[in-house]
């Protein structure tokens, strides 16, 4: 990851934490201790079409712990690493893996066609879901989640990459956002948090 992307990630995480403090989203004293940033009480919601054109929302995945990640299919490092770790975690959960849902939200609908997205997420796990809105819908949902993204010019004319928040949002089985998991922490902290939420039902 470039130093610019690390700075963006750090700033985004700091903003997220600052926002939680302002909203008074402090966890009760007896709340579980998570490895990720506890954002219980925040109201992050999405309503975007999947690769088949069906509108999907938080409520569609109630009963499962859902991990939502904003990225793009041509991402060279953060996105494939995150998706691979999520697939590894799901497999490692054994029978409980059916209660873990991966949701990939593209921040690059210009290049990420429904078929491209379907193939991309399917390569990690056939049960993962990709969501693709219009540019306007994408901006709206990203803003609601406090996700930063912007085009960065590439080396050749017309090419570009996307700078973006490198973290995942974890929702509990009731469809409520609970955690922000920073990128780069490895699979073990995320696995512990997911297992805790699965145990809570």
N, C-alpha and C. Protein backbone atom coordinates (compact mmCIF):
# COMPACT_ATOMS: atom_id res chain seq x y z
N UNK A 1 0.85 -1.19 0.00
CA UNK A 1 0.00 0.00 0.00
C UNK A 1 0.88 1.24 0.00
N UNK A 2 0.57 2.25 -0.75
CA UNK A 2 1.36 3.46 -0.82
C UNK A 2 1.21 4.27 0.45
N UNK A 3 2.18 5.15 0.69
CA UNK A 3 2.11 5.99 1.89
C UNK A 3 0.87 6.88 1.86
N UNK A 4 0.47 7.31 0.64
CA UNK A 4 -0.74 8.14 0.52
C UNK A 4 -1.96 7.36 0.97
N UNK A 5 -2.04 6.09 0.57
CA UNK A 5 -3.20 5.29 0.95
C UNK A 5 -3.20 5.02 2.44
N UNK A 6 -2.00 4.81 3.02
CA UNK A 6 -1.93 4.59 4.46
C UNK A 6 -2.40 5.83 5.21
N UNK A 7 -2.01 7.01 4.70
CA UNK A 7 -2.44 8.26 5.32
C UNK A 7 -3.95 8.40 5.24
N UNK A 8 -4.51 8.09 4.07
CA UNK A 8 -5.96 8.18 3.89
C UNK A 8 -6.67 7.24 4.84
N UNK A 9 -6.15 6.02 4.95
CA UNK A 9 -6.75 5.04 5.86
C UNK A 9 -6.71 5.53 7.29
N UNK A 10 -5.55 6.08 7.69
CA UNK A 10 -5.40 6.58 9.05
C UNK A 10 -6.34 7.73 9.32
N UNK A 11 -6.44 8.65 8.36
CA UNK A 11 -7.33 9.80 8.54
C UNK A 11 -8.78 9.37 8.60
N UNK A 12 -9.15 8.40 7.75
CA UNK A 12 -10.53 7.93 7.74
C UNK A 12 -10.89 7.26 9.05
N UNK A 13 -9.96 6.45 9.57
CA UNK A 13 -10.21 5.77 10.84
C UNK A 13 -10.32 6.79 11.97
N UNK A 14 -9.46 7.82 11.94
CA UNK A 14 -9.51 8.85 12.96
C UNK A 14 -10.83 9.61 12.91
N UNK A 15 -11.26 9.91 11.69
CA UNK A 15 -12.54 10.60 11.52
C UNK A 15 -13.68 9.77 12.04
N UNK A 16 -13.61 8.47 11.78
CA UNK A 16 -14.65 7.57 12.23
C UNK A 16 -14.72 7.56 13.75
N UNK A 17 -13.55 7.48 14.38
CA UNK A 17 -13.52 7.47 15.83
C UNK A 17 -14.01 8.80 16.41
N UNK A 18 -13.59 9.89 15.78
CA UNK A 18 -14.03 11.20 16.25
C UNK A 18 -15.54 11.34 16.14
N UNK A 19 -16.08 10.83 15.03
CA UNK A 19 -17.52 10.88 14.82
C UNK A 19 -18.27 10.09 15.86
N UNK A 20 -17.72 8.94 16.24
CA UNK A 20 -18.37 8.11 17.25
C UNK A 20 -18.38 8.82 18.60
N UNK A 21 -17.26 9.49 18.93
CA UNK A 21 -17.20 10.20 20.20
C UNK A 21 -18.24 11.30 20.25
N UNK A 22 -18.39 12.04 19.14
CA UNK A 22 -19.35 13.13 19.10
C UNK A 22 -20.78 12.64 19.23
N UNK A 23 -21.03 11.45 18.71
CA UNK A 23 -22.38 10.91 18.77
C UNK A 23 -22.66 10.22 20.10
N UNK A 24 -21.63 10.11 20.93
CA UNK A 24 -21.81 9.44 22.21
C UNK A 24 -21.95 7.94 22.07
N UNK A 25 -21.31 7.35 21.05
CA UNK A 25 -21.44 5.91 20.82
C UNK A 25 -20.42 5.15 21.65
N UNK A 26 -20.52 5.27 22.94
CA UNK A 26 -19.61 4.55 23.82
C UNK A 26 -20.28 3.27 24.28
N UNK A 27 -19.51 2.20 24.29
CA UNK A 27 -20.07 0.90 24.64
C UNK A 27 -20.32 0.79 26.15
N UNK A 28 -21.36 0.06 26.56
CA UNK A 28 -21.61 -0.17 27.98
C UNK A 28 -20.42 -0.88 28.63
N UNK A 29 -20.30 -0.72 29.95
CA UNK A 29 -19.16 -1.30 30.66
C UNK A 29 -19.10 -2.81 30.53
N UNK A 30 -20.26 -3.45 30.40
CA UNK A 30 -20.30 -4.91 30.34
C UNK A 30 -20.31 -5.43 28.90
N UNK A 31 -20.08 -4.55 27.93
CA UNK A 31 -20.09 -4.95 26.52
C UNK A 31 -18.87 -5.82 26.21
N UNK A 32 -18.99 -6.70 25.22
CA UNK A 32 -17.85 -7.53 24.83
C UNK A 32 -16.68 -6.67 24.39
N UNK A 33 -15.47 -7.14 24.63
CA UNK A 33 -14.27 -6.42 24.20
C UNK A 33 -13.89 -6.91 22.81
N UNK A 34 -13.94 -6.03 21.84
CA UNK A 34 -13.63 -6.39 20.46
C UNK A 34 -12.25 -5.90 20.06
N UNK A 35 -11.72 -6.51 19.03
CA UNK A 35 -10.45 -6.06 18.46
C UNK A 35 -10.66 -4.87 17.53
N UNK A 36 -11.79 -4.87 16.81
CA UNK A 36 -12.11 -3.77 15.93
C UNK A 36 -12.65 -2.59 16.71
N UNK A 37 -12.86 -1.48 16.01
CA UNK A 37 -13.42 -0.28 16.63
C UNK A 37 -14.91 -0.49 16.84
N UNK A 38 -15.34 -0.43 18.09
CA UNK A 38 -16.75 -0.66 18.42
C UNK A 38 -17.57 0.58 18.05
N UNK A 39 -18.43 0.46 17.06
CA UNK A 39 -19.28 1.58 16.65
C UNK A 39 -20.76 1.23 16.86
N UNK A 40 -21.01 0.38 17.83
CA UNK A 40 -22.38 0.03 18.18
C UNK A 40 -23.19 1.29 18.43
N UNK A 41 -24.36 1.35 17.83
CA UNK A 41 -25.22 2.52 17.98
C UNK A 41 -25.25 3.40 16.76
N UNK A 42 -24.24 3.25 15.89
CA UNK A 42 -24.25 4.00 14.62
C UNK A 42 -25.36 3.43 13.74
N UNK A 43 -25.86 4.24 12.84
CA UNK A 43 -26.95 3.81 11.97
C UNK A 43 -26.48 3.83 10.52
N UNK A 44 -25.66 2.83 10.16
CA UNK A 44 -25.14 2.72 8.80
C UNK A 44 -26.02 1.75 8.03
N UNK A 45 -26.59 2.25 6.94
CA UNK A 45 -27.48 1.41 6.14
C UNK A 45 -27.14 1.55 4.67
N UNK A 46 -27.44 0.50 3.91
CA UNK A 46 -27.22 0.53 2.47
C UNK A 46 -28.43 -0.04 1.76
N UNK A 47 -28.63 0.43 0.53
CA UNK A 47 -29.70 -0.07 -0.34
C UNK A 47 -29.17 0.08 -1.76
N UNK A 48 -28.62 -1.02 -2.27
CA UNK A 48 -27.97 -1.02 -3.58
C UNK A 48 -28.31 -2.29 -4.34
N UNK A 49 -28.29 -2.24 -5.68
CA UNK A 49 -28.57 -3.45 -6.47
C UNK A 49 -27.40 -4.42 -6.43
N UNK A 50 -27.73 -5.72 -6.45
CA UNK A 50 -26.67 -6.73 -6.58
C UNK A 50 -26.41 -6.97 -8.06
N UNK A 51 -25.62 -7.96 -8.38
CA UNK A 51 -25.24 -8.19 -9.78
C UNK A 51 -26.40 -8.71 -10.63
N UNK A 52 -27.49 -9.10 -9.98
CA UNK A 52 -28.68 -9.55 -10.71
C UNK A 52 -29.73 -8.44 -10.80
N UNK A 53 -29.41 -7.29 -10.25
CA UNK A 53 -30.34 -6.16 -10.30
C UNK A 53 -31.31 -6.10 -9.14
N UNK A 54 -31.18 -7.02 -8.17
CA UNK A 54 -32.07 -7.02 -7.01
C UNK A 54 -31.56 -6.04 -5.95
N UNK A 55 -32.45 -5.21 -5.42
CA UNK A 55 -32.05 -4.26 -4.39
C UNK A 55 -31.76 -5.01 -3.09
N UNK A 56 -30.61 -4.74 -2.51
CA UNK A 56 -30.20 -5.39 -1.26
C UNK A 56 -30.03 -4.35 -0.16
N UNK A 57 -30.42 -4.72 1.06
CA UNK A 57 -30.26 -3.85 2.22
C UNK A 57 -29.71 -4.67 3.38
N UNK A 58 -29.44 -3.97 4.49
CA UNK A 58 -28.99 -4.65 5.70
C UNK A 58 -29.93 -5.78 6.10
N UNK A 59 -31.22 -5.54 5.94
CA UNK A 59 -32.22 -6.49 6.41
C UNK A 59 -32.18 -7.83 5.67
N UNK A 60 -31.63 -7.84 4.46
CA UNK A 60 -31.58 -9.08 3.69
C UNK A 60 -30.72 -10.16 4.34
N UNK A 61 -29.80 -9.73 5.18
CA UNK A 61 -28.84 -10.69 5.73
C UNK A 61 -28.99 -10.89 7.23
N UNK A 62 -30.17 -10.55 7.75
CA UNK A 62 -30.42 -10.80 9.17
C UNK A 62 -30.32 -12.29 9.45
N UNK A 63 -29.76 -12.62 10.59
CA UNK A 63 -29.51 -14.02 10.93
C UNK A 63 -28.05 -14.40 10.67
N UNK A 64 -27.35 -13.52 9.95
CA UNK A 64 -25.94 -13.74 9.67
C UNK A 64 -25.12 -12.55 10.16
N UNK A 65 -23.85 -12.82 10.46
CA UNK A 65 -22.91 -11.74 10.69
C UNK A 65 -22.40 -11.32 9.32
N UNK A 66 -22.53 -10.05 8.99
CA UNK A 66 -22.20 -9.55 7.65
C UNK A 66 -20.99 -8.63 7.71
N UNK A 67 -20.05 -8.87 6.80
CA UNK A 67 -18.87 -8.01 6.69
C UNK A 67 -18.98 -7.26 5.37
N UNK A 68 -19.08 -5.93 5.46
CA UNK A 68 -19.25 -5.07 4.29
C UNK A 68 -17.92 -4.36 4.00
N UNK A 69 -17.48 -4.47 2.75
CA UNK A 69 -16.22 -3.85 2.34
C UNK A 69 -16.43 -3.03 1.07
N UNK A 70 -15.90 -1.82 1.05
CA UNK A 70 -15.97 -0.94 -0.11
C UNK A 70 -14.65 -1.03 -0.87
N UNK A 71 -14.72 -1.45 -2.15
CA UNK A 71 -13.50 -1.58 -2.92
C UNK A 71 -13.78 -1.59 -4.41
N UNK A 72 -12.83 -2.10 -5.19
CA UNK A 72 -13.03 -2.19 -6.64
C UNK A 72 -12.20 -3.35 -7.18
N UNK A 73 -12.64 -3.91 -8.29
CA UNK A 73 -12.06 -5.16 -8.75
C UNK A 73 -10.64 -5.03 -9.28
N UNK A 74 -10.23 -3.84 -9.71
CA UNK A 74 -8.88 -3.66 -10.21
C UNK A 74 -7.90 -3.22 -9.13
N UNK A 75 -8.35 -3.23 -7.90
CA UNK A 75 -7.50 -2.91 -6.75
C UNK A 75 -6.35 -3.91 -6.67
N UNK A 76 -5.11 -3.45 -6.55
CA UNK A 76 -3.98 -4.37 -6.59
C UNK A 76 -3.64 -5.07 -5.29
N UNK A 77 -4.09 -4.55 -4.16
CA UNK A 77 -3.61 -5.12 -2.90
C UNK A 77 -4.66 -5.23 -1.80
N UNK A 78 -5.19 -4.09 -1.36
CA UNK A 78 -6.09 -4.09 -0.21
C UNK A 78 -7.33 -4.95 -0.43
N UNK A 79 -7.99 -4.76 -1.58
CA UNK A 79 -9.25 -5.46 -1.83
C UNK A 79 -9.09 -6.98 -1.94
N UNK A 80 -8.18 -7.49 -2.77
CA UNK A 80 -8.05 -8.94 -2.83
C UNK A 80 -7.58 -9.56 -1.52
N UNK A 81 -6.73 -8.83 -0.79
CA UNK A 81 -6.28 -9.35 0.50
C UNK A 81 -7.44 -9.46 1.47
N UNK A 82 -8.25 -8.41 1.54
CA UNK A 82 -9.41 -8.41 2.44
C UNK A 82 -10.39 -9.52 2.08
N UNK A 83 -10.70 -9.66 0.80
CA UNK A 83 -11.66 -10.68 0.38
C UNK A 83 -11.12 -12.09 0.60
N UNK A 84 -9.82 -12.28 0.39
CA UNK A 84 -9.21 -13.60 0.60
C UNK A 84 -9.25 -13.96 2.08
N UNK A 85 -8.98 -12.99 2.94
CA UNK A 85 -9.01 -13.26 4.38
C UNK A 85 -10.44 -13.59 4.83
N UNK A 86 -11.40 -12.89 4.27
CA UNK A 86 -12.79 -13.16 4.63
C UNK A 86 -13.22 -14.56 4.18
N UNK A 87 -12.78 -14.96 3.00
CA UNK A 87 -13.09 -16.30 2.51
C UNK A 87 -12.42 -17.35 3.37
N UNK A 88 -11.18 -17.08 3.79
CA UNK A 88 -10.45 -18.01 4.66
C UNK A 88 -11.15 -18.13 6.01
N UNK A 89 -11.62 -17.00 6.52
CA UNK A 89 -12.33 -17.01 7.80
C UNK A 89 -13.61 -17.82 7.70
N UNK A 90 -14.37 -17.61 6.64
CA UNK A 90 -15.62 -18.35 6.45
C UNK A 90 -15.36 -19.86 6.42
N UNK A 91 -14.34 -20.25 5.69
CA UNK A 91 -14.01 -21.67 5.60
C UNK A 91 -13.58 -22.22 6.95
N UNK A 92 -12.82 -21.42 7.70
CA UNK A 92 -12.32 -21.86 8.99
C UNK A 92 -13.40 -21.99 10.05
N UNK A 93 -14.55 -21.37 9.82
CA UNK A 93 -15.64 -21.46 10.79
C UNK A 93 -16.40 -22.78 10.70
N UNK A 94 -16.11 -23.56 9.67
CA UNK A 94 -16.80 -24.84 9.51
C UNK A 94 -18.28 -24.64 9.28
N UNK A 95 -19.13 -25.41 9.97
CA UNK A 95 -20.59 -25.28 9.78
C UNK A 95 -21.11 -23.87 10.08
N UNK A 96 -20.42 -23.16 10.96
CA UNK A 96 -20.82 -21.80 11.30
C UNK A 96 -20.56 -20.82 10.15
N UNK A 97 -19.75 -21.26 9.20
CA UNK A 97 -19.42 -20.39 8.08
C UNK A 97 -20.63 -19.96 7.28
N UNK A 98 -21.70 -20.76 7.31
CA UNK A 98 -22.92 -20.39 6.59
C UNK A 98 -23.58 -19.15 7.19
N UNK A 99 -23.17 -18.79 8.40
CA UNK A 99 -23.75 -17.62 9.07
C UNK A 99 -22.86 -16.37 8.92
N UNK A 100 -21.85 -16.47 8.04
CA UNK A 100 -21.01 -15.31 7.74
C UNK A 100 -21.24 -14.87 6.30
N UNK A 101 -21.61 -13.62 6.11
CA UNK A 101 -21.92 -13.10 4.77
C UNK A 101 -20.94 -12.00 4.39
N UNK A 102 -20.29 -12.17 3.25
CA UNK A 102 -19.43 -11.12 2.72
C UNK A 102 -20.19 -10.27 1.72
N UNK A 103 -20.08 -8.95 1.84
CA UNK A 103 -20.74 -8.02 0.92
C UNK A 103 -19.68 -7.04 0.40
N UNK A 104 -19.49 -7.05 -0.91
CA UNK A 104 -18.50 -6.19 -1.56
C UNK A 104 -19.24 -5.07 -2.29
N UNK A 105 -18.98 -3.82 -1.90
CA UNK A 105 -19.61 -2.66 -2.53
C UNK A 105 -18.58 -1.98 -3.43
N UNK A 106 -18.84 -1.94 -4.72
CA UNK A 106 -17.87 -1.31 -5.61
C UNK A 106 -17.93 0.21 -5.52
N UNK A 107 -16.75 0.82 -5.50
CA UNK A 107 -16.64 2.27 -5.54
C UNK A 107 -16.27 2.73 -6.95
N UNK A 108 -16.25 1.77 -7.88
CA UNK A 108 -15.86 2.03 -9.26
C UNK A 108 -16.88 1.44 -10.23
N UNK A 109 -18.14 1.89 -10.15
CA UNK A 109 -19.17 1.32 -11.03
C UNK A 109 -18.91 1.59 -12.51
N UNK A 110 -18.05 2.55 -12.79
CA UNK A 110 -17.72 2.87 -14.17
C UNK A 110 -17.05 1.69 -14.87
N UNK A 111 -16.19 0.98 -14.17
CA UNK A 111 -15.48 -0.15 -14.76
C UNK A 111 -16.00 -1.50 -14.25
N UNK A 112 -16.53 -1.51 -13.04
CA UNK A 112 -17.00 -2.77 -12.46
C UNK A 112 -18.42 -3.09 -12.93
N UNK A 113 -18.52 -3.83 -14.01
CA UNK A 113 -19.83 -4.24 -14.52
C UNK A 113 -20.40 -5.33 -13.62
N UNK A 114 -21.70 -5.60 -13.70
CA UNK A 114 -22.28 -6.68 -12.90
C UNK A 114 -21.57 -8.02 -13.12
N UNK A 115 -21.25 -8.34 -14.38
CA UNK A 115 -20.59 -9.61 -14.66
C UNK A 115 -19.19 -9.65 -14.08
N UNK A 116 -18.48 -8.54 -14.18
CA UNK A 116 -17.13 -8.46 -13.60
C UNK A 116 -17.18 -8.66 -12.10
N UNK A 117 -18.13 -8.02 -11.45
CA UNK A 117 -18.27 -8.14 -10.01
C UNK A 117 -18.66 -9.55 -9.59
N UNK A 118 -19.58 -10.14 -10.34
CA UNK A 118 -20.02 -11.49 -10.01
C UNK A 118 -18.86 -12.48 -10.08
N UNK A 119 -18.04 -12.36 -11.12
CA UNK A 119 -16.88 -13.24 -11.27
C UNK A 119 -15.85 -12.97 -10.18
N UNK A 120 -15.68 -11.69 -9.84
CA UNK A 120 -14.67 -11.31 -8.85
C UNK A 120 -14.98 -11.88 -7.48
N UNK A 121 -16.18 -11.60 -6.96
CA UNK A 121 -16.50 -12.09 -5.62
C UNK A 121 -16.66 -13.61 -5.61
N UNK A 122 -17.15 -14.16 -6.73
CA UNK A 122 -17.31 -15.61 -6.81
C UNK A 122 -16.00 -16.36 -6.75
N UNK A 123 -14.93 -15.69 -7.18
CA UNK A 123 -13.61 -16.32 -7.13
C UNK A 123 -13.13 -16.51 -5.69
N UNK A 124 -13.64 -15.70 -4.78
CA UNK A 124 -13.28 -15.83 -3.38
C UNK A 124 -14.24 -16.77 -2.65
N UNK A 125 -15.52 -16.59 -2.89
CA UNK A 125 -16.54 -17.46 -2.29
C UNK A 125 -17.84 -17.29 -3.07
N UNK A 126 -18.46 -18.36 -3.51
CA UNK A 126 -19.69 -18.25 -4.30
C UNK A 126 -20.86 -17.65 -3.54
N UNK A 127 -20.75 -17.62 -2.22
CA UNK A 127 -21.83 -17.05 -1.42
C UNK A 127 -21.70 -15.56 -1.17
N UNK A 128 -20.55 -14.98 -1.51
CA UNK A 128 -20.37 -13.55 -1.31
C UNK A 128 -21.23 -12.77 -2.31
N UNK A 129 -21.65 -11.58 -1.91
CA UNK A 129 -22.52 -10.75 -2.73
C UNK A 129 -21.81 -9.45 -3.09
N UNK A 130 -21.95 -9.03 -4.34
CA UNK A 130 -21.41 -7.74 -4.78
C UNK A 130 -22.55 -6.78 -5.07
N UNK A 131 -22.37 -5.53 -4.67
CA UNK A 131 -23.37 -4.50 -4.89
C UNK A 131 -22.79 -3.41 -5.77
N UNK A 132 -23.63 -2.93 -6.71
CA UNK A 132 -23.18 -1.90 -7.65
C UNK A 132 -24.30 -0.90 -7.89
N UNK A 133 -24.09 0.31 -7.40
CA UNK A 133 -25.07 1.36 -7.61
C UNK A 133 -24.64 2.29 -8.73
N UNK A 134 -25.44 3.28 -9.00
CA UNK A 134 -25.04 4.34 -9.91
C UNK A 134 -23.95 5.16 -9.21
N UNK A 135 -23.23 6.01 -9.94
CA UNK A 135 -22.25 6.87 -9.28
C UNK A 135 -22.86 7.68 -8.15
N UNK A 136 -24.08 8.16 -8.35
CA UNK A 136 -24.75 8.96 -7.33
C UNK A 136 -25.09 8.11 -6.10
N UNK A 137 -25.62 6.91 -6.34
CA UNK A 137 -25.95 6.00 -5.23
C UNK A 137 -24.69 5.62 -4.46
N UNK A 138 -23.61 5.38 -5.19
CA UNK A 138 -22.35 4.99 -4.57
C UNK A 138 -21.84 6.10 -3.65
N UNK A 139 -21.89 7.33 -4.12
CA UNK A 139 -21.46 8.47 -3.31
C UNK A 139 -22.32 8.61 -2.06
N UNK A 140 -23.62 8.39 -2.23
CA UNK A 140 -24.55 8.54 -1.10
C UNK A 140 -24.28 7.50 -0.01
N UNK A 141 -24.10 6.25 -0.42
CA UNK A 141 -23.85 5.19 0.56
C UNK A 141 -22.48 5.38 1.20
N UNK A 142 -21.48 5.73 0.40
CA UNK A 142 -20.14 5.95 0.94
C UNK A 142 -20.16 7.07 1.98
N UNK A 143 -20.90 8.13 1.69
CA UNK A 143 -21.01 9.23 2.64
C UNK A 143 -21.67 8.78 3.93
N UNK A 144 -22.71 7.95 3.80
CA UNK A 144 -23.41 7.45 4.99
C UNK A 144 -22.49 6.61 5.87
N UNK A 145 -21.56 5.89 5.24
CA UNK A 145 -20.62 5.04 5.97
C UNK A 145 -19.32 5.77 6.32
N UNK A 146 -19.23 7.06 5.92
CA UNK A 146 -18.00 7.84 6.13
C UNK A 146 -16.81 7.20 5.41
N UNK A 147 -17.09 6.64 4.24
CA UNK A 147 -16.05 6.03 3.41
C UNK A 147 -15.52 7.05 2.42
N UNK A 148 -14.20 7.19 2.39
CA UNK A 148 -13.56 8.08 1.41
C UNK A 148 -13.17 7.29 0.18
N UNK A 149 -13.37 7.86 -1.01
CA UNK A 149 -12.80 7.28 -2.22
C UNK A 149 -12.62 8.38 -3.26
N UNK A 150 -11.60 8.22 -4.10
CA UNK A 150 -11.31 9.20 -5.13
C UNK A 150 -10.42 8.57 -6.18
N UNK A 151 -10.58 9.03 -7.42
CA UNK A 151 -9.73 8.55 -8.50
C UNK A 151 -8.32 9.11 -8.35
N UNK A 152 -7.33 8.28 -8.71
CA UNK A 152 -5.94 8.70 -8.73
C UNK A 152 -5.39 8.39 -10.12
N UNK A 153 -4.93 9.39 -10.87
CA UNK A 153 -4.46 9.16 -12.24
C UNK A 153 -3.40 8.08 -12.33
N UNK A 154 -3.52 7.24 -13.37
CA UNK A 154 -2.56 6.16 -13.59
C UNK A 154 -1.38 6.62 -14.41
N UNK A 155 -0.55 5.67 -14.81
CA UNK A 155 0.67 5.99 -15.55
C UNK A 155 0.40 6.24 -17.03
N UNK A 156 -0.71 5.72 -17.54
CA UNK A 156 -1.04 5.93 -18.95
C UNK A 156 -2.28 6.79 -19.06
N UNK A 157 -2.44 7.45 -20.18
CA UNK A 157 -3.56 8.36 -20.38
C UNK A 157 -4.91 7.65 -20.24
N UNK A 158 -5.77 8.20 -19.42
CA UNK A 158 -7.10 7.63 -19.23
C UNK A 158 -7.17 6.55 -18.16
N UNK A 159 -6.04 6.07 -17.69
CA UNK A 159 -6.05 5.02 -16.66
C UNK A 159 -6.10 5.65 -15.28
N UNK A 160 -6.56 4.90 -14.32
CA UNK A 160 -6.62 5.41 -12.95
C UNK A 160 -6.74 4.27 -11.96
N UNK A 161 -6.39 4.56 -10.73
CA UNK A 161 -6.65 3.66 -9.61
C UNK A 161 -7.59 4.41 -8.68
N UNK A 162 -8.00 3.75 -7.60
CA UNK A 162 -8.91 4.38 -6.66
C UNK A 162 -8.28 4.38 -5.27
N UNK A 163 -8.13 5.56 -4.69
CA UNK A 163 -7.77 5.65 -3.28
C UNK A 163 -9.06 5.50 -2.49
N UNK A 164 -9.00 4.73 -1.41
CA UNK A 164 -10.24 4.51 -0.65
C UNK A 164 -9.96 4.05 0.76
N UNK A 165 -10.96 4.20 1.60
CA UNK A 165 -10.88 3.72 2.97
C UNK A 165 -10.65 2.22 2.97
N UNK A 166 -9.62 1.79 3.67
CA UNK A 166 -9.25 0.37 3.67
C UNK A 166 -9.67 -0.27 4.98
N UNK A 167 -10.94 -0.52 5.12
CA UNK A 167 -11.44 -1.16 6.33
C UNK A 167 -12.77 -1.82 6.05
N UNK A 168 -13.23 -2.64 6.97
CA UNK A 168 -14.48 -3.38 6.79
C UNK A 168 -15.45 -3.04 7.92
N UNK A 169 -16.73 -3.15 7.61
CA UNK A 169 -17.79 -2.88 8.58
C UNK A 169 -18.49 -4.20 8.90
N UNK A 170 -18.59 -4.50 10.17
CA UNK A 170 -19.18 -5.78 10.60
C UNK A 170 -20.55 -5.53 11.23
N UNK A 171 -21.55 -6.21 10.68
CA UNK A 171 -22.93 -6.12 11.18
C UNK A 171 -23.28 -7.39 11.93
N UNK A 172 -24.05 -7.26 13.00
CA UNK A 172 -24.46 -8.45 13.76
C UNK A 172 -25.66 -9.12 13.09
N UNK A 173 -26.12 -10.18 13.69
CA UNK A 173 -27.20 -10.98 13.10
C UNK A 173 -28.54 -10.25 13.07
N UNK A 174 -28.64 -9.13 13.78
CA UNK A 174 -29.87 -8.32 13.75
C UNK A 174 -29.79 -7.22 12.68
N UNK A 175 -28.70 -7.21 11.93
CA UNK A 175 -28.55 -6.22 10.87
C UNK A 175 -28.05 -4.87 11.35
N UNK A 176 -27.46 -4.83 12.56
CA UNK A 176 -26.96 -3.58 13.12
C UNK A 176 -25.44 -3.52 12.97
N UNK A 177 -24.92 -2.37 12.55
CA UNK A 177 -23.47 -2.25 12.43
C UNK A 177 -22.87 -2.24 13.84
N UNK A 178 -21.78 -2.97 14.00
CA UNK A 178 -21.16 -3.10 15.32
C UNK A 178 -19.69 -2.70 15.35
N UNK A 179 -18.98 -3.01 14.25
CA UNK A 179 -17.52 -2.82 14.28
C UNK A 179 -16.97 -2.26 12.99
N UNK A 180 -15.89 -1.50 13.12
CA UNK A 180 -15.07 -1.11 11.98
C UNK A 180 -13.74 -1.82 12.15
N UNK A 181 -13.40 -2.67 11.21
CA UNK A 181 -12.15 -3.43 11.28
C UNK A 181 -11.13 -2.79 10.34
N UNK A 182 -10.03 -2.33 10.90
CA UNK A 182 -8.98 -1.71 10.09
C UNK A 182 -8.27 -2.75 9.23
N UNK A 183 -7.81 -2.30 8.08
CA UNK A 183 -7.04 -3.18 7.20
C UNK A 183 -5.63 -3.40 7.78
N UNK A 184 -5.13 -4.60 7.58
CA UNK A 184 -3.75 -4.89 7.96
C UNK A 184 -3.59 -5.58 9.30
N UNK A 185 -4.69 -5.84 9.99
CA UNK A 185 -4.59 -6.46 11.30
C UNK A 185 -4.45 -7.97 11.26
N UNK A 186 -4.67 -8.56 10.07
CA UNK A 186 -4.60 -10.01 9.98
C UNK A 186 -5.96 -10.64 10.24
N UNK A 187 -6.02 -11.93 10.00
CA UNK A 187 -7.31 -12.63 10.09
C UNK A 187 -7.72 -12.96 11.53
N UNK A 188 -6.75 -13.13 12.43
CA UNK A 188 -7.09 -13.57 13.79
C UNK A 188 -7.98 -12.59 14.56
N UNK A 189 -7.67 -11.29 14.57
CA UNK A 189 -8.54 -10.36 15.29
C UNK A 189 -9.96 -10.33 14.73
N UNK A 190 -10.07 -10.33 13.41
CA UNK A 190 -11.39 -10.34 12.78
C UNK A 190 -12.14 -11.62 13.12
N UNK A 191 -11.44 -12.75 13.08
CA UNK A 191 -12.08 -14.03 13.39
C UNK A 191 -12.63 -14.03 14.81
N UNK A 192 -11.87 -13.49 15.75
CA UNK A 192 -12.32 -13.44 17.14
C UNK A 192 -13.57 -12.58 17.28
N UNK A 193 -13.60 -11.46 16.59
CA UNK A 193 -14.76 -10.58 16.66
C UNK A 193 -15.99 -11.21 16.02
N UNK A 194 -15.80 -11.84 14.87
CA UNK A 194 -16.93 -12.50 14.20
C UNK A 194 -17.49 -13.63 15.07
N UNK A 195 -16.61 -14.41 15.68
CA UNK A 195 -17.06 -15.51 16.53
C UNK A 195 -17.84 -14.99 17.73
N UNK A 196 -17.40 -13.86 18.28
CA UNK A 196 -18.11 -13.27 19.42
C UNK A 196 -19.52 -12.84 19.02
N UNK A 197 -19.65 -12.25 17.83
CA UNK A 197 -20.96 -11.83 17.36
C UNK A 197 -21.85 -13.01 16.99
N UNK A 198 -21.25 -14.06 16.44
CA UNK A 198 -22.01 -15.27 16.14
C UNK A 198 -22.54 -15.90 17.43
N UNK A 199 -21.71 -15.91 18.44
CA UNK A 199 -22.12 -16.50 19.73
C UNK A 199 -23.23 -15.71 20.38
N UNK A 200 -23.24 -14.39 20.12
CA UNK A 200 -24.28 -13.53 20.70
C UNK A 200 -25.63 -13.73 20.03
N UNK A 201 -25.60 -14.33 18.83
CA UNK A 201 -26.85 -14.62 18.12
C UNK A 201 -27.37 -13.46 17.33
